[in-house]
């Protein structure tokens, strides 16, 4: 069976989705970093790891 090429529009949509996901991840990370380290640890986050993912 021949491999079907993905269309231009599908590739564009995938790129938009990926960009929006990265934007949402940055937003959430920055919001989480407004909490103190103890609170972050209480909820299972590693503050150093959050600060390192820029």
N, C-alpha and C. Protein backbone atom coordinates (compact mmCIF):
# COMPACT_ATOMS: atom_id res chain seq x y z
N UNK A 1 0.84 -1.18 0.00
CA UNK A 1 0.00 0.00 0.00
C UNK A 1 0.89 1.24 0.00
N UNK A 2 0.57 2.18 -0.84
CA UNK A 2 1.36 3.41 -0.96
C UNK A 2 1.17 4.29 0.27
N UNK A 3 2.23 4.93 0.65
CA UNK A 3 2.15 5.83 1.79
C UNK A 3 1.48 7.13 1.34
N UNK A 4 0.51 7.57 2.11
CA UNK A 4 -0.26 8.77 1.76
C UNK A 4 0.48 9.99 2.31
N UNK A 5 0.70 10.97 1.45
CA UNK A 5 1.34 12.21 1.89
C UNK A 5 0.35 13.06 2.65
N UNK A 6 0.86 13.72 3.66
CA UNK A 6 0.00 14.62 4.43
C UNK A 6 -0.17 15.91 3.66
N UNK A 7 -1.33 16.46 3.74
CA UNK A 7 -1.62 17.67 2.98
C UNK A 7 -0.99 18.90 3.63
N UNK A 8 -0.87 19.92 2.84
CA UNK A 8 -0.34 21.21 3.31
C UNK A 8 -1.15 21.71 4.50
N UNK A 9 -2.46 21.61 4.40
CA UNK A 9 -3.33 22.13 5.46
C UNK A 9 -3.18 21.34 6.75
N UNK A 10 -3.01 20.04 6.63
CA UNK A 10 -2.81 19.21 7.83
C UNK A 10 -1.49 19.56 8.51
N UNK A 11 -0.45 19.76 7.71
CA UNK A 11 0.85 20.16 8.27
C UNK A 11 0.76 21.52 8.94
N UNK A 12 0.04 22.45 8.32
CA UNK A 12 -0.13 23.79 8.90
C UNK A 12 -0.90 23.70 10.22
N UNK A 13 -1.95 22.92 10.24
CA UNK A 13 -2.74 22.74 11.46
C UNK A 13 -1.89 22.13 12.57
N UNK A 14 -1.10 21.12 12.23
CA UNK A 14 -0.23 20.50 13.22
C UNK A 14 0.77 21.51 13.78
N UNK A 15 1.31 22.38 12.93
CA UNK A 15 2.25 23.40 13.39
C UNK A 15 1.58 24.39 14.33
N UNK A 16 0.35 24.77 14.02
CA UNK A 16 -0.40 25.69 14.88
C UNK A 16 -0.69 25.04 16.23
N UNK A 17 -1.10 23.80 16.20
CA UNK A 17 -1.40 23.08 17.45
C UNK A 17 -0.15 22.97 18.31
N UNK A 18 0.97 22.65 17.70
CA UNK A 18 2.23 22.52 18.45
C UNK A 18 2.63 23.86 19.06
N UNK A 19 2.51 24.93 18.30
CA UNK A 19 2.87 26.26 18.80
C UNK A 19 1.96 26.67 19.95
N UNK A 20 0.67 26.41 19.84
CA UNK A 20 -0.27 26.78 20.90
C UNK A 20 -0.02 25.95 22.16
N UNK A 21 0.36 24.69 21.98
CA UNK A 21 0.66 23.83 23.13
C UNK A 21 1.88 24.36 23.88
N UNK A 22 2.91 24.76 23.13
CA UNK A 22 4.10 25.33 23.77
C UNK A 22 3.75 26.62 24.51
N UNK A 23 2.90 27.43 23.89
CA UNK A 23 2.47 28.69 24.52
C UNK A 23 1.72 28.40 25.82
N UNK A 24 0.83 27.43 25.80
CA UNK A 24 0.07 27.07 27.00
C UNK A 24 1.00 26.53 28.08
N UNK A 25 1.98 25.71 27.69
CA UNK A 25 2.94 25.17 28.65
C UNK A 25 3.72 26.29 29.33
N UNK A 26 4.16 27.27 28.55
CA UNK A 26 4.89 28.41 29.12
C UNK A 26 4.01 29.18 30.10
N UNK A 27 2.77 29.41 29.72
CA UNK A 27 1.84 30.15 30.56
C UNK A 27 1.62 29.44 31.90
N UNK A 28 1.39 28.15 31.85
CA UNK A 28 1.14 27.38 33.08
C UNK A 28 2.40 27.36 33.94
N UNK A 29 3.56 27.16 33.31
CA UNK A 29 4.81 27.13 34.07
C UNK A 29 5.03 28.46 34.80
N UNK A 30 4.82 29.57 34.09
CA UNK A 30 4.98 30.88 34.72
C UNK A 30 3.97 31.09 35.84
N UNK A 31 2.75 30.63 35.67
CA UNK A 31 1.74 30.75 36.72
C UNK A 31 2.13 29.91 37.94
N UNK A 32 2.63 28.72 37.71
CA UNK A 32 3.06 27.87 38.83
C UNK A 32 4.21 28.49 39.60
N UNK A 33 5.08 29.18 38.88
CA UNK A 33 6.25 29.78 39.54
C UNK A 33 5.89 30.98 40.41
N UNK A 34 4.63 31.40 40.40
CA UNK A 34 4.22 32.45 41.32
C UNK A 34 4.03 31.90 42.74
N UNK A 35 3.93 30.57 42.86
CA UNK A 35 3.81 29.93 44.17
C UNK A 35 5.19 29.75 44.79
N UNK A 36 5.23 29.68 46.10
CA UNK A 36 6.50 29.43 46.78
C UNK A 36 6.90 27.96 46.59
N UNK A 37 8.18 27.68 46.83
CA UNK A 37 8.72 26.34 46.60
C UNK A 37 8.02 25.27 47.41
N UNK A 38 7.68 25.58 48.64
CA UNK A 38 7.01 24.60 49.51
C UNK A 38 5.65 24.21 48.94
N UNK A 39 4.89 25.17 48.48
CA UNK A 39 3.58 24.89 47.89
C UNK A 39 3.74 24.04 46.63
N UNK A 40 4.70 24.38 45.81
CA UNK A 40 4.93 23.59 44.60
C UNK A 40 5.26 22.14 44.94
N UNK A 41 6.12 21.96 45.93
CA UNK A 41 6.48 20.59 46.33
C UNK A 41 5.27 19.85 46.88
N UNK A 42 4.41 20.56 47.62
CA UNK A 42 3.20 19.94 48.16
C UNK A 42 2.33 19.37 47.05
N UNK A 43 2.28 20.07 45.93
CA UNK A 43 1.45 19.62 44.81
C UNK A 43 2.21 18.76 43.80
N UNK A 44 3.43 18.38 44.15
CA UNK A 44 4.16 17.41 43.34
C UNK A 44 5.03 18.00 42.24
N UNK A 45 5.31 19.28 42.29
CA UNK A 45 6.17 19.91 41.29
C UNK A 45 7.56 20.13 41.86
N UNK A 46 8.54 20.06 41.01
CA UNK A 46 9.91 20.34 41.40
C UNK A 46 10.21 21.78 40.95
N UNK A 47 10.37 22.71 41.88
CA UNK A 47 10.58 24.11 41.52
C UNK A 47 11.81 24.32 40.64
N UNK A 48 12.89 23.61 40.93
CA UNK A 48 14.11 23.75 40.12
C UNK A 48 13.87 23.31 38.68
N UNK A 49 13.11 22.24 38.54
CA UNK A 49 12.79 21.74 37.20
C UNK A 49 11.92 22.73 36.43
N UNK A 50 10.97 23.34 37.13
CA UNK A 50 10.11 24.34 36.48
C UNK A 50 10.92 25.55 36.02
N UNK A 51 11.85 25.97 36.85
CA UNK A 51 12.68 27.12 36.48
C UNK A 51 13.63 26.78 35.35
N UNK A 52 14.04 25.55 35.23
CA UNK A 52 15.00 25.15 34.21
C UNK A 52 14.41 25.01 32.82
N UNK A 53 13.11 24.84 32.71
CA UNK A 53 12.45 24.62 31.40
C UNK A 53 12.00 25.94 30.82
N UNK A 54 12.88 26.69 30.25
CA UNK A 54 12.52 27.99 29.66
C UNK A 54 12.44 27.89 28.17
